[in-house]
Amino acid sequence: MTLAPERPSVVAPSVETLQRAVEECRGRVGARVPDHLVDDVLSLTLIEAWKKLATFDAIRGQVEAWVWGICHNMIRKVLADASRARRISDAAETNRIHGQRTSTDPQQLLADRYDHVDWMQRVAGFVGDEDWDVMLDLALTDEHPRDVAERHGLSLRKVQAVRQRCEAIGRVVRAAQDVPLPTSPAALRATAATCVPLDVFDADRVLPLLLRVELEAASMDALGAELDVSASSAYRLIKRVRELLDIALTVLDQRSLTREFS
């Protein structure tokens, strides 16, 4: 037995105890998820239980019940992730079927499909689950955006804003995946800037401002005056363009790490 971090008066379960409690969940997990996802759920449960060890309180219940509560949340997470992965794969397949085939080479077609799925997974990660679900409904159905908005409990204006943001992020991720990597870390930000489309969120005016001005030291009123918009509009535009720039930096950084360790 070990002492829980930050709660020295409470005896926390040992790793072995947690492992046994997690393994006891296997049957209930198997009844709720496909067989190939069972080990994923149990592994995530053990990791999450260890991270939350300081919150365990033996007075409120046994470790098995506490672990099952964590496990139940992991079941929902894994199923949600699997559902999103299926929808991404379906969307990629739909695009492949309706798109023009540029090659008849099976290996090339497989590589193209992998690249497309990888792109969509990256975009989905940056967009967020709720907006991604809206975007997939718009892309995979013939419904009017008004119907999609009603089903998601959103206004039509919100759905249009979601589409604009998602499409912009998709363009940034694609550009950041394809652009040649800079030869030095100092050039990373400049390379990321080339990945930001200039025809969205007034990026043609906002991006040079982001690259030139130290925003923390500037007032939004002054930035709005320079952009010839209100302070609130300047904040909104700068927030959107900075998000796109940060996404490009993230993708480039991930590619740099992959190159370094490959």
Protein backbone atom coordinates (compact mmCIF):
# COMPACT_ATOMS: atom_id res chain seq x y z
CA MET A 1 0.00 0.00 0.00
CA THR A 2 1.17 3.54 -0.78
CA LEU A 3 0.11 6.94 0.35
CA ALA A 4 -2.03 8.99 -2.03
CA PRO A 5 -0.32 12.13 -3.30
CA GLU A 6 -1.38 15.32 -1.49
CA ARG A 7 -3.49 13.29 0.94
CA PRO A 8 -1.00 11.67 3.30
CA SER A 9 -3.67 10.63 5.79
CA VAL A 10 -5.51 8.49 3.21
CA VAL A 11 -4.15 5.10 2.21
CA ALA A 12 -4.38 4.71 -1.56
CA PRO A 13 -4.61 1.43 -3.46
CA SER A 14 -1.37 -0.01 -4.79
CA VAL A 15 -0.75 -0.48 -8.48
CA GLU A 16 -1.41 -4.20 -8.08
CA THR A 17 -4.77 -3.48 -6.42
CA LEU A 18 -5.74 -1.12 -9.23
CA GLN A 19 -4.74 -3.70 -11.85
CA ARG A 20 -6.89 -6.35 -10.18
CA ALA A 21 -9.84 -3.97 -9.92
CA VAL A 22 -9.49 -3.01 -13.57
CA GLU A 23 -9.26 -6.64 -14.66
CA GLU A 24 -12.48 -7.39 -12.75
CA CYS A 25 -14.21 -4.92 -15.09
CA ARG A 26 -13.37 -7.03 -18.16
CA GLY A 27 -16.64 -8.95 -18.25
CA ARG A 28 -18.81 -5.84 -17.97
CA VAL A 29 -16.69 -4.01 -20.52
CA GLY A 30 -16.96 -6.96 -22.93
CA ALA A 31 -20.73 -6.78 -22.70
CA ARG A 32 -20.69 -3.11 -23.74
CA VAL A 33 -18.01 -2.75 -26.42
CA PRO A 34 -16.74 -4.86 -29.35
CA ASP A 35 -14.06 -7.40 -28.45
CA HIS A 36 -11.26 -5.47 -30.17
CA LEU A 37 -11.91 -2.42 -27.96
CA VAL A 38 -11.96 -4.19 -24.57
CA ASP A 39 -8.22 -3.95 -23.93
CA ASP A 40 -8.22 -0.30 -25.01
CA VAL A 41 -10.89 0.51 -22.43
CA LEU A 42 -9.10 -1.36 -19.65
CA SER A 43 -5.74 0.26 -20.44
CA LEU A 44 -7.27 3.74 -20.42
CA THR A 45 -9.07 2.94 -17.17
CA LEU A 46 -5.85 1.91 -15.44
CA ILE A 47 -4.05 5.05 -16.63
CA GLU A 48 -6.92 7.31 -15.58
CA ALA A 49 -7.27 5.59 -12.19
CA TRP A 50 -3.56 6.08 -11.51
CA LYS A 51 -3.76 9.75 -12.50
CA LYS A 52 -6.74 10.25 -10.18
CA LEU A 53 -5.36 8.21 -7.31
CA ALA A 54 -5.37 11.22 -4.98
CA THR A 55 -9.17 11.49 -5.32
CA PHE A 56 -9.87 7.97 -4.03
CA ASP A 57 -11.67 7.97 -0.68
CA ALA A 58 -12.02 4.58 1.01
CA ILE A 59 -14.70 6.00 3.31
CA ARG A 60 -17.02 6.60 0.34
CA GLY A 61 -16.68 3.12 -1.16
CA GLN A 62 -14.49 0.26 -2.26
CA VAL A 63 -11.80 0.60 -4.85
CA GLU A 64 -13.66 -1.73 -7.23
CA ALA A 65 -16.67 0.60 -7.37
CA TRP A 66 -14.42 3.63 -7.81
CA VAL A 67 -12.53 1.96 -10.66
CA TRP A 68 -15.78 0.91 -12.34
CA GLY A 69 -16.96 4.50 -12.33
CA ILE A 70 -13.80 5.50 -14.17
CA CYS A 71 -14.13 2.51 -16.48
CA HIS A 72 -17.70 3.48 -17.38
CA ASN A 73 -16.47 6.90 -18.51
CA MET A 74 -13.70 5.27 -20.55
CA ILE A 75 -16.27 3.05 -22.27
CA ARG A 76 -18.17 6.12 -23.41
CA LYS A 77 -14.95 7.79 -24.56
CA VAL A 78 -13.73 4.79 -26.55
CA LEU A 79 -17.12 4.27 -28.19
CA ALA A 80 -17.32 7.95 -29.10
CA ASP A 81 -13.80 7.86 -30.55
CA ALA A 82 -14.61 4.70 -32.52
CA SER A 83 -17.80 6.26 -33.85
CA ARG A 84 -15.93 9.36 -34.94
CA ALA A 85 -13.24 7.23 -36.60
CA ARG A 86 -15.92 5.34 -38.54
CA ARG A 87 -17.51 8.57 -39.70
CA ILE A 88 -14.13 9.90 -40.77
CA SER A 89 -13.47 6.72 -42.72
CA ASP A 90 -16.94 6.87 -44.30
CA ALA A 91 -16.40 10.49 -45.28
CA ALA A 92 -13.02 9.66 -46.80
CA GLU A 93 -14.55 6.78 -48.75
CA THR A 94 -17.39 8.99 -49.98
CA ASN A 95 -14.90 11.59 -51.18
CA ARG A 96 -12.86 8.87 -52.86
CA ILE A 97 -15.87 7.45 -54.70
CA HIS A 98 -17.12 10.82 -55.89
CA GLY A 99 -13.70 12.28 -56.56
CA GLN A 100 -11.72 11.89 -59.72
CA ARG A 101 -9.35 8.93 -59.66
CA THR A 102 -5.85 10.11 -60.46
CA SER A 103 -4.27 6.66 -60.47
CA THR A 104 -5.20 3.05 -61.15
CA ASP A 105 -2.26 1.71 -59.15
CA PRO A 106 -3.72 -0.13 -56.11
CA GLN A 107 -0.76 0.84 -53.92
CA GLN A 108 -1.11 4.49 -54.89
CA LEU A 109 -4.86 4.40 -54.24
CA LEU A 110 -4.23 2.87 -50.81
CA ALA A 111 -1.62 5.54 -50.02
CA ASP A 112 -4.00 8.28 -51.16
CA ARG A 113 -6.76 6.90 -48.96
CA TYR A 114 -4.41 6.73 -45.95
CA ASP A 115 -3.31 10.33 -46.52
CA HIS A 116 -6.91 11.48 -46.78
CA VAL A 117 -7.98 9.70 -43.60
CA ASP A 118 -4.91 11.04 -41.80
CA TRP A 119 -5.83 14.56 -42.94
CA MET A 120 -9.43 14.20 -41.77
CA GLN A 121 -8.36 12.82 -38.39
CA ARG A 122 -6.05 15.78 -37.88
CA VAL A 123 -8.78 18.22 -38.86
CA ALA A 124 -11.28 16.51 -36.55
CA GLY A 125 -8.83 16.79 -33.67
CA PHE A 126 -8.45 20.53 -34.15
CA VAL A 127 -12.12 21.23 -34.86
CA GLY A 128 -13.61 19.49 -31.82
CA ASP A 129 -16.29 16.80 -31.62
CA GLU A 130 -19.40 18.98 -31.74
CA ASP A 131 -18.36 21.08 -34.74
CA TRP A 132 -16.98 18.02 -36.51
CA ASP A 133 -20.32 16.22 -36.17
CA VAL A 134 -22.06 19.23 -37.70
CA MET A 135 -19.53 19.33 -40.53
CA LEU A 136 -19.91 15.62 -41.29
CA ASP A 137 -23.69 16.00 -41.43
CA LEU A 138 -23.26 18.83 -43.91
CA ALA A 139 -20.78 16.82 -45.98
CA LEU A 140 -22.43 13.39 -45.95
CA THR A 141 -26.10 14.26 -46.35
CA ASP A 142 -28.13 16.14 -48.91
CA GLU A 143 -29.98 18.01 -46.19
CA HIS A 144 -30.35 21.75 -46.22
CA PRO A 145 -28.10 23.42 -43.64
CA ARG A 146 -31.28 24.62 -41.94
CA ASP A 147 -32.28 21.01 -41.25
CA VAL A 148 -28.82 20.21 -39.90
CA ALA A 149 -29.03 23.28 -37.67
CA GLU A 150 -32.40 22.22 -36.31
CA ARG A 151 -31.24 18.69 -35.53
CA HIS A 152 -28.21 19.99 -33.63
CA GLY A 153 -30.16 22.70 -31.86
CA LEU A 154 -28.17 25.49 -33.53
CA SER A 155 -29.05 28.58 -35.49
CA LEU A 156 -28.44 28.59 -39.24
CA ARG A 157 -25.91 31.37 -38.72
CA LYS A 158 -24.01 29.20 -36.24
CA VAL A 159 -23.93 26.27 -38.66
CA GLN A 160 -22.58 28.55 -41.39
CA ALA A 161 -19.90 29.80 -38.98
CA VAL A 162 -18.98 26.20 -38.10
CA ARG A 163 -18.65 25.33 -41.77
CA GLN A 164 -16.45 28.36 -42.46
CA ARG A 165 -14.16 27.57 -39.52
CA CYS A 166 -13.92 23.85 -40.31
CA GLU A 167 -13.17 24.46 -43.98
CA ALA A 168 -10.49 26.99 -43.04
CA ILE A 169 -8.88 24.54 -40.60
CA GLY A 170 -9.01 21.82 -43.23
CA ARG A 171 -7.17 24.04 -45.70
CA VAL A 172 -4.53 24.94 -43.11
CA VAL A 173 -3.90 21.31 -42.15
CA ARG A 174 -3.61 20.27 -45.80
CA ALA A 175 -1.18 23.09 -46.54
CA ALA A 176 0.90 22.36 -43.43
CA GLN A 177 1.08 18.68 -44.39
CA ASP A 178 2.30 19.46 -47.91
CA VAL A 179 4.60 22.47 -47.45
CA PRO A 180 8.35 21.73 -47.35
CA LEU A 181 9.62 21.72 -43.78
CA PRO A 182 11.83 24.67 -42.86
CA THR A 183 15.50 23.97 -42.39
CA SER A 184 15.70 25.87 -39.10
CA PRO A 185 13.38 26.31 -36.10
CA ALA A 186 13.57 30.08 -36.58
CA ALA A 187 11.79 29.75 -39.94
CA LEU A 188 8.96 27.65 -38.54
CA ARG A 189 6.60 30.56 -37.84
CA ALA A 190 7.14 32.10 -41.26
CA THR A 191 6.45 28.75 -42.91
CA ALA A 192 3.29 28.32 -40.82
CA ALA A 193 2.09 31.73 -41.97
CA THR A 194 2.23 30.57 -45.61
CA CYS A 195 -0.26 27.82 -44.70
CA VAL A 196 -2.97 30.24 -43.56
CA PRO A 197 -5.51 31.04 -46.33
CA LEU A 198 -5.73 34.79 -46.85
CA ASP A 199 -9.35 34.80 -48.05
CA VAL A 200 -10.92 33.95 -44.67
CA PHE A 201 -11.37 36.04 -41.51
CA ASP A 202 -9.62 39.00 -43.21
CA ALA A 203 -6.39 37.04 -42.82
CA ASP A 204 -4.75 39.09 -45.58
CA ARG A 205 -4.80 42.04 -43.15
CA VAL A 206 -4.76 40.25 -39.79
CA LEU A 207 -1.89 37.83 -40.44
CA PRO A 208 0.76 40.51 -41.09
CA LEU A 209 -0.42 42.17 -37.88
CA LEU A 210 0.03 38.93 -35.93
CA LEU A 211 3.53 38.48 -37.29
CA ARG A 212 4.54 42.06 -36.57
CA VAL A 213 2.80 43.14 -33.36
CA GLU A 214 3.27 41.80 -29.83
CA LEU A 215 -0.43 41.38 -29.07
CA GLU A 216 -0.06 41.20 -25.31
CA ALA A 217 1.35 44.73 -25.32
CA ALA A 218 -1.25 46.19 -27.70
CA SER A 219 -4.75 47.35 -26.88
CA MET A 220 -7.64 45.91 -28.84
CA ASP A 221 -8.85 49.44 -29.60
CA ALA A 222 -5.54 50.22 -31.29
CA LEU A 223 -5.59 46.95 -33.22
CA GLY A 224 -9.17 47.60 -34.27
CA ALA A 225 -8.23 51.06 -35.49
CA GLU A 226 -5.39 49.61 -37.54
CA LEU A 227 -7.73 47.04 -39.07
CA ASP A 228 -10.46 49.64 -39.47
CA VAL A 229 -12.97 47.59 -37.45
CA SER A 230 -14.41 47.75 -33.96
CA ALA A 231 -12.44 46.41 -31.02
CA SER A 232 -14.82 43.45 -30.68
CA SER A 233 -14.50 42.61 -34.38
CA ALA A 234 -10.72 42.91 -34.16
CA TYR A 235 -10.72 40.47 -31.23
CA ARG A 236 -12.84 37.97 -33.16
CA LEU A 237 -10.74 38.16 -36.33
CA ILE A 238 -7.42 37.98 -34.49
CA LYS A 239 -8.65 35.01 -32.46
CA ARG A 240 -9.64 33.10 -35.61
CA VAL A 241 -6.48 33.83 -37.58
CA ARG A 242 -4.25 33.12 -34.59
CA GLU A 243 -6.02 29.75 -34.22
CA LEU A 244 -5.20 28.92 -37.84
CA LEU A 245 -1.58 30.00 -37.38
CA ASP A 246 -1.25 27.90 -34.21
CA ILE A 247 -2.71 24.86 -35.99
CA ALA A 248 -0.20 25.24 -38.82
CA LEU A 249 2.61 25.50 -36.27
CA THR A 250 1.37 22.36 -34.51
CA VAL A 251 1.23 20.30 -37.70
CA LEU A 252 4.68 21.49 -38.78
CA ASP A 253 6.07 20.74 -35.33
CA GLN A 254 4.58 17.23 -35.43
CA ARG A 255 6.11 16.65 -38.86
CA SER A 256 9.48 17.92 -37.62
CA LEU A 257 9.42 15.51 -34.69
CA THR A 258 8.45 12.64 -36.98
CA ARG A 259 11.37 13.47 -39.26
CA GLU A 260 13.75 13.76 -36.33
CA PHE A 261 12.89 10.36 -34.85
CA SER A 262 12.41 8.46 -38.10
